[in-house]
């Protein structure tokens, strides 16, 4: 296949994979790019076009196409939703202070799209204590244990899915895993993990007016409209973020502790970078 044709196919696959993720809810880059390649090649006038895996777009190329698609479709609404999601993430992290919470994923990087959730890592050697803490906060959540086969071994991760204004996923790791920061499968760079203080600075720098209002009265402007745009027509269950809808700020679930750093779940195994927190 010529480089010209490969380049054209690569770009078209990236756009189609992004569309599959944005419009049809495909979750994984790996799945989306292969579905996109099959669909595009299947439309090639009866001729069987062949491609090699290296001819397909990278995860980063698909992510960029996905972001451009979301910006075109959602415009300013996306910025407003990003701010609201970051505020919710901050409140979650403040409430989980004793467990070294770190925000990862699209809410930290700004690469959100319709259907994005809030991903937070927590670190503890006492899973039961963490679950008791969640129960004490009065949050509505579901617990899920996931087994993943990686690098020749089975590794288990516990996820807590919190239901409220936006979906929140908490992933539990041992405390020692704070020392590791693997590379992202999207761009090959060390993943970003954000502490609460860094998230506050990000909010002030990228959403100055909205953040000033939130600091003044504890509310997010037009939150009802933001939630309606998200497609959530149901009344949220009682949860830790109800104060965002109130006229007066509510007291935090636990004291705000000083916290820095900014994407995806990871598996700290040999070959990943270690660093000091």
Protein backbone atom coordinates (compact mmCIF):
# COMPACT_ATOMS: atom_id res chain seq x y z
CA UNK A 1 0.00 0.00 0.00
CA UNK A 2 1.48 3.40 -0.95
CA UNK A 3 2.45 5.87 1.76
CA UNK A 4 -0.09 8.32 0.34
CA UNK A 5 -2.90 5.81 0.57
CA UNK A 6 -1.71 4.62 3.99
CA UNK A 7 -1.62 8.19 5.26
CA UNK A 8 -5.12 8.83 3.97
CA UNK A 9 -6.43 5.60 5.43
CA UNK A 10 -4.75 6.32 8.77
CA UNK A 11 -6.48 9.70 9.04
CA UNK A 12 -9.87 8.29 7.99
CA UNK A 13 -9.57 5.43 10.49
CA UNK A 14 -8.73 7.92 13.25
CA UNK A 15 -11.84 9.98 12.50
CA UNK A 16 -14.10 6.93 12.21
CA UNK A 17 -12.71 5.45 15.43
CA UNK A 18 -13.33 8.77 17.18
CA UNK A 19 -16.90 8.79 15.85
CA UNK A 20 -17.47 5.25 17.14
CA UNK A 21 -16.30 6.31 20.58
CA UNK A 22 -18.24 9.57 20.60
CA UNK A 23 -21.52 8.49 19.01
CA UNK A 24 -21.72 4.74 19.59
CA UNK A 25 -20.13 4.44 23.01
CA UNK A 26 -17.14 2.26 22.10
CA UNK A 27 -14.86 2.50 25.14
CA UNK A 28 -11.46 1.20 24.04
CA UNK A 29 -9.10 2.72 21.45
CA UNK A 30 -7.98 -0.78 20.45
CA UNK A 31 -11.54 -1.86 19.69
CA UNK A 32 -12.52 1.40 17.99
CA UNK A 33 -9.59 1.50 15.56
CA UNK A 34 -10.14 -2.09 14.39
CA UNK A 35 -13.86 -1.61 13.99
CA UNK A 36 -13.17 1.56 12.03
CA UNK A 37 -10.64 -0.16 9.76
CA UNK A 38 -13.05 -3.00 9.01
CA UNK A 39 -15.88 -0.60 8.20
CA UNK A 40 -13.78 1.61 5.94
CA UNK A 41 -12.09 -1.23 4.11
CA UNK A 42 -15.42 -2.92 3.66
CA UNK A 43 -16.60 0.07 1.64
CA UNK A 44 -13.70 -0.01 -0.84
CA UNK A 45 -15.70 -0.93 -3.94
CA UNK A 46 -15.38 -4.66 -3.61
CA UNK A 47 -11.58 -4.53 -3.61
CA UNK A 48 -9.92 -6.14 -0.66
CA UNK A 49 -7.53 -3.59 0.81
CA UNK A 50 -4.94 -4.92 3.19
CA UNK A 51 -3.33 -3.08 6.05
CA UNK A 52 -0.74 -3.72 8.74
CA UNK A 53 -1.26 -2.85 12.42
CA UNK A 54 1.38 -0.12 12.13
CA UNK A 55 -0.70 1.51 9.38
CA UNK A 56 -3.47 2.21 11.88
CA UNK A 57 -3.61 5.47 13.89
CA UNK A 58 -2.15 5.69 17.36
CA UNK A 59 -4.33 6.13 20.42
CA UNK A 60 -3.11 9.72 20.57
CA UNK A 61 -4.31 10.41 17.02
CA UNK A 62 -7.74 9.01 17.85
CA UNK A 63 -7.86 11.02 21.07
CA UNK A 64 -7.08 14.23 19.15
CA UNK A 65 -9.79 13.46 16.59
CA UNK A 66 -12.21 12.69 19.42
CA UNK A 67 -11.41 15.97 21.16
CA UNK A 68 -11.89 17.95 17.93
CA UNK A 69 -15.22 16.20 17.39
CA UNK A 70 -16.39 17.01 20.91
CA UNK A 71 -15.33 20.65 20.59
CA UNK A 72 -17.16 21.01 17.28
CA UNK A 73 -20.34 19.36 18.54
CA UNK A 74 -20.45 20.85 22.03
CA UNK A 75 -18.60 24.17 21.88
CA UNK A 76 -18.84 26.30 25.03
CA UNK A 77 -21.07 23.72 26.71
CA UNK A 78 -18.06 21.44 26.98
CA UNK A 79 -16.06 24.08 28.87
CA UNK A 80 -18.89 24.65 31.32
CA UNK A 81 -19.28 20.91 31.90
CA UNK A 82 -15.53 20.52 32.41
CA UNK A 83 -15.60 23.15 35.15
CA UNK A 84 -18.54 21.49 36.90
CA UNK A 85 -16.87 18.08 36.73
CA UNK A 86 -13.63 19.48 38.14
CA UNK A 87 -15.51 21.07 41.04
CA UNK A 88 -17.20 17.74 41.80
CA UNK A 89 -13.81 16.01 41.58
CA UNK A 90 -12.34 18.51 44.05
CA UNK A 91 -15.14 17.92 46.55
CA UNK A 92 -14.65 14.16 46.21
CA UNK A 93 -10.90 14.49 46.80
CA UNK A 94 -11.36 16.73 49.83
CA UNK A 95 -13.71 14.18 51.35
CA UNK A 96 -11.20 11.37 50.69
CA UNK A 97 -8.14 13.26 51.95
CA UNK A 98 -6.81 10.50 54.25
CA UNK A 99 -6.52 8.16 51.25
CA UNK A 100 -4.16 10.25 49.09
CA UNK A 101 -6.67 10.84 46.24
CA UNK A 102 -5.38 11.62 42.76
CA UNK A 103 -7.49 12.81 39.84
CA UNK A 104 -6.62 11.13 36.54
CA UNK A 105 -8.11 10.87 33.06
CA UNK A 106 -10.08 13.28 30.93
CA UNK A 107 -11.25 15.57 33.73
CA UNK A 108 -7.64 16.30 34.70
CA UNK A 109 -6.39 16.74 31.12
CA UNK A 110 -9.48 18.58 29.85
CA UNK A 111 -10.16 15.95 27.16
CA UNK A 112 -13.73 15.32 28.23
CA UNK A 113 -16.60 14.44 25.93
CA UNK A 114 -20.24 13.57 26.36
CA UNK A 115 -20.43 10.59 28.71
CA UNK A 116 -17.04 11.15 30.38
CA UNK A 117 -16.80 10.25 34.04
CA UNK A 118 -14.57 11.39 36.90
CA UNK A 119 -11.70 9.00 37.66
CA UNK A 120 -9.96 9.19 41.04
CA UNK A 121 -7.28 6.89 42.41
CA UNK A 122 -7.08 6.31 46.15
CA UNK A 123 -4.27 4.64 48.07
CA UNK A 124 -4.71 2.55 51.20
CA UNK A 125 -3.53 -0.69 52.77
CA UNK A 126 -6.87 -1.10 54.54
CA UNK A 127 -9.69 -1.56 52.03
CA UNK A 128 -12.26 -2.09 54.77
CA UNK A 129 -11.37 1.23 56.38
CA UNK A 130 -11.82 2.96 53.04
CA UNK A 131 -15.26 1.40 52.55
CA UNK A 132 -16.28 2.38 56.07
CA UNK A 133 -15.16 5.93 55.27
CA UNK A 134 -17.37 5.98 52.16
CA UNK A 135 -20.29 4.69 54.18
CA UNK A 136 -19.74 7.38 56.78
CA UNK A 137 -19.95 10.04 54.10
CA UNK A 138 -23.42 8.84 53.17
CA UNK A 139 -22.51 8.36 49.51
CA UNK A 140 -24.44 6.01 47.25
CA UNK A 141 -21.96 3.59 45.64
CA UNK A 142 -21.44 0.14 44.17
CA UNK A 143 -18.34 -1.97 44.67
CA UNK A 144 -16.76 -3.95 41.85
CA UNK A 145 -13.70 -6.22 41.92
CA UNK A 146 -12.01 -6.59 38.54
CA UNK A 147 -9.40 -9.23 37.66
CA UNK A 148 -7.01 -8.35 34.84
CA UNK A 149 -4.39 -10.61 33.28
CA UNK A 150 -1.29 -8.52 32.65
CA UNK A 151 2.35 -9.38 32.16
CA UNK A 152 1.79 -13.03 32.93
CA UNK A 153 -0.11 -12.60 36.16
CA UNK A 154 -3.61 -11.93 37.47
CA UNK A 155 -3.99 -8.59 39.22
CA UNK A 156 -7.12 -7.50 41.06
CA UNK A 157 -8.42 -3.96 41.38
CA UNK A 158 -11.38 -2.74 43.42
CA UNK A 159 -13.56 -0.01 41.91
CA UNK A 160 -16.22 2.02 43.69
CA UNK A 161 -18.81 3.60 41.42
CA UNK A 162 -20.35 6.66 43.07
CA UNK A 163 -23.65 7.90 41.65
CA UNK A 164 -24.40 11.61 41.75
CA UNK A 165 -24.28 14.68 39.49
CA UNK A 166 -21.63 13.01 37.32
CA UNK A 167 -20.50 9.39 37.52
CA UNK A 168 -17.41 8.97 39.69
CA UNK A 169 -15.14 5.93 39.65
CA UNK A 170 -12.75 5.39 42.56
CA UNK A 171 -9.98 2.83 42.03
CA UNK A 172 -8.15 1.47 45.07
CA UNK A 173 -4.39 0.86 45.09
CA UNK A 174 -1.91 -0.06 47.79
CA UNK A 175 -0.04 2.89 49.29
CA UNK A 176 3.30 1.71 47.91
CA UNK A 177 1.95 2.19 44.39
CA UNK A 178 2.10 5.96 44.89
CA UNK A 179 5.81 5.59 44.08
CA UNK A 180 5.10 4.44 40.52
CA UNK A 181 3.93 6.38 37.52
CA UNK A 182 3.62 4.30 34.33
CA UNK A 183 3.26 5.62 30.81
CA UNK A 184 -0.09 6.37 29.24
CA UNK A 185 -1.32 4.02 26.53
CA UNK A 186 -2.58 7.11 24.67
CA UNK A 187 0.62 9.09 24.12
CA UNK A 188 3.41 7.11 25.78
CA UNK A 189 4.03 9.86 28.34
CA UNK A 190 3.97 9.38 32.13
CA UNK A 191 0.36 9.61 33.22
CA UNK A 192 -0.85 12.76 34.91
CA UNK A 193 -2.18 12.52 38.46
CA UNK A 194 -3.52 15.63 40.19
CA UNK A 195 -3.64 16.29 43.91
CA UNK A 196 -6.36 18.49 45.34
CA UNK A 197 -4.19 21.61 45.65
CA UNK A 198 -3.07 21.30 42.03
CA UNK A 199 -6.69 20.91 40.95
CA UNK A 200 -7.61 24.10 42.82
CA UNK A 201 -4.81 25.93 40.99
CA UNK A 202 -6.02 24.49 37.68
CA UNK A 203 -9.57 25.66 38.36
CA UNK A 204 -8.39 29.17 39.22
CA UNK A 205 -6.16 29.37 36.13
CA UNK A 206 -8.47 27.91 33.50
CA UNK A 207 -11.92 28.89 34.84
CA UNK A 208 -11.22 32.14 36.76
CA UNK A 209 -14.72 33.68 36.74
CA UNK A 210 -16.59 30.45 37.46
CA UNK A 211 -14.09 29.54 40.18
CA UNK A 212 -14.43 32.97 41.83
CA UNK A 213 -18.20 32.49 41.97
CA UNK A 214 -17.83 29.01 43.42
CA UNK A 215 -15.43 30.24 46.10
CA UNK A 216 -17.84 33.06 46.94
CA UNK A 217 -21.09 31.14 47.29
CA UNK A 218 -20.39 27.43 46.70
CA UNK A 219 -22.48 27.19 43.54
CA UNK A 220 -21.85 26.40 39.89
CA UNK A 221 -23.69 28.66 37.46
CA UNK A 222 -26.24 27.01 35.16
CA UNK A 223 -25.64 23.59 36.68
CA UNK A 224 -29.18 22.44 35.90
CA UNK A 225 -28.61 23.28 32.22
CA UNK A 226 -25.25 21.50 32.24
CA UNK A 227 -26.84 18.35 33.63
CA UNK A 228 -29.68 18.56 31.10
CA UNK A 229 -27.12 18.81 28.30
CA UNK A 230 -25.44 15.72 29.71
CA UNK A 231 -28.68 13.88 28.99
CA UNK A 232 -29.39 13.17 32.64
CA UNK A 233 -33.14 13.69 32.96
CA UNK A 234 -33.47 11.80 36.20
CA UNK A 235 -33.22 13.45 39.61
CA UNK A 236 -29.80 12.59 41.09
CA UNK A 237 -29.74 10.37 44.14
CA UNK A 238 -28.84 12.07 47.44
CA UNK A 239 -25.08 12.35 47.55
CA UNK A 240 -22.01 14.35 48.54
CA UNK A 241 -22.38 17.08 45.91
CA UNK A 242 -25.92 18.29 46.56
CA UNK A 243 -24.57 21.58 47.89
CA UNK A 244 -23.59 22.61 44.37
CA UNK A 245 -27.27 23.14 43.66
CA UNK A 246 -27.93 25.07 46.86
CA UNK A 247 -27.86 28.83 47.22
CA UNK A 248 -25.62 28.56 50.27
CA UNK A 249 -22.42 26.49 50.37
CA UNK A 250 -22.56 23.31 52.41
CA UNK A 251 -19.93 22.24 54.87
CA UNK A 252 -17.32 19.87 53.43
CA UNK A 253 -17.67 16.21 54.33
CA UNK A 254 -14.18 16.35 55.87
CA UNK A 255 -11.57 19.08 56.36
CA UNK A 256 -9.65 20.22 53.33
CA UNK A 257 -6.11 19.00 53.61
CA UNK A 258 -3.24 20.51 51.73
CA UNK A 259 -2.27 18.34 48.86
CA UNK A 260 -0.20 18.25 43.25
CA UNK A 261 0.24 16.17 40.08
CA UNK A 262 -2.26 15.20 37.09
CA UNK A 263 -5.08 9.67 33.33
CA UNK A 264 -6.14 6.28 33.17
CA UNK A 265 -5.93 3.28 35.39
CA UNK A 266 -2.47 1.81 35.55
CA UNK A 267 -0.50 -1.24 36.50
CA UNK A 268 2.83 -0.46 38.21
CA UNK A 269 4.95 -3.40 37.15
CA UNK A 270 8.64 -3.63 36.17
CA UNK A 271 9.47 -1.30 33.31
CA UNK A 272 7.44 1.58 34.62
CA UNK A 273 9.02 4.73 35.99
CA UNK A 274 9.34 5.21 39.72
CA UNK A 275 9.36 8.63 41.34
CA UNK A 276 9.13 10.33 44.69
CA UNK A 277 5.87 11.94 45.60
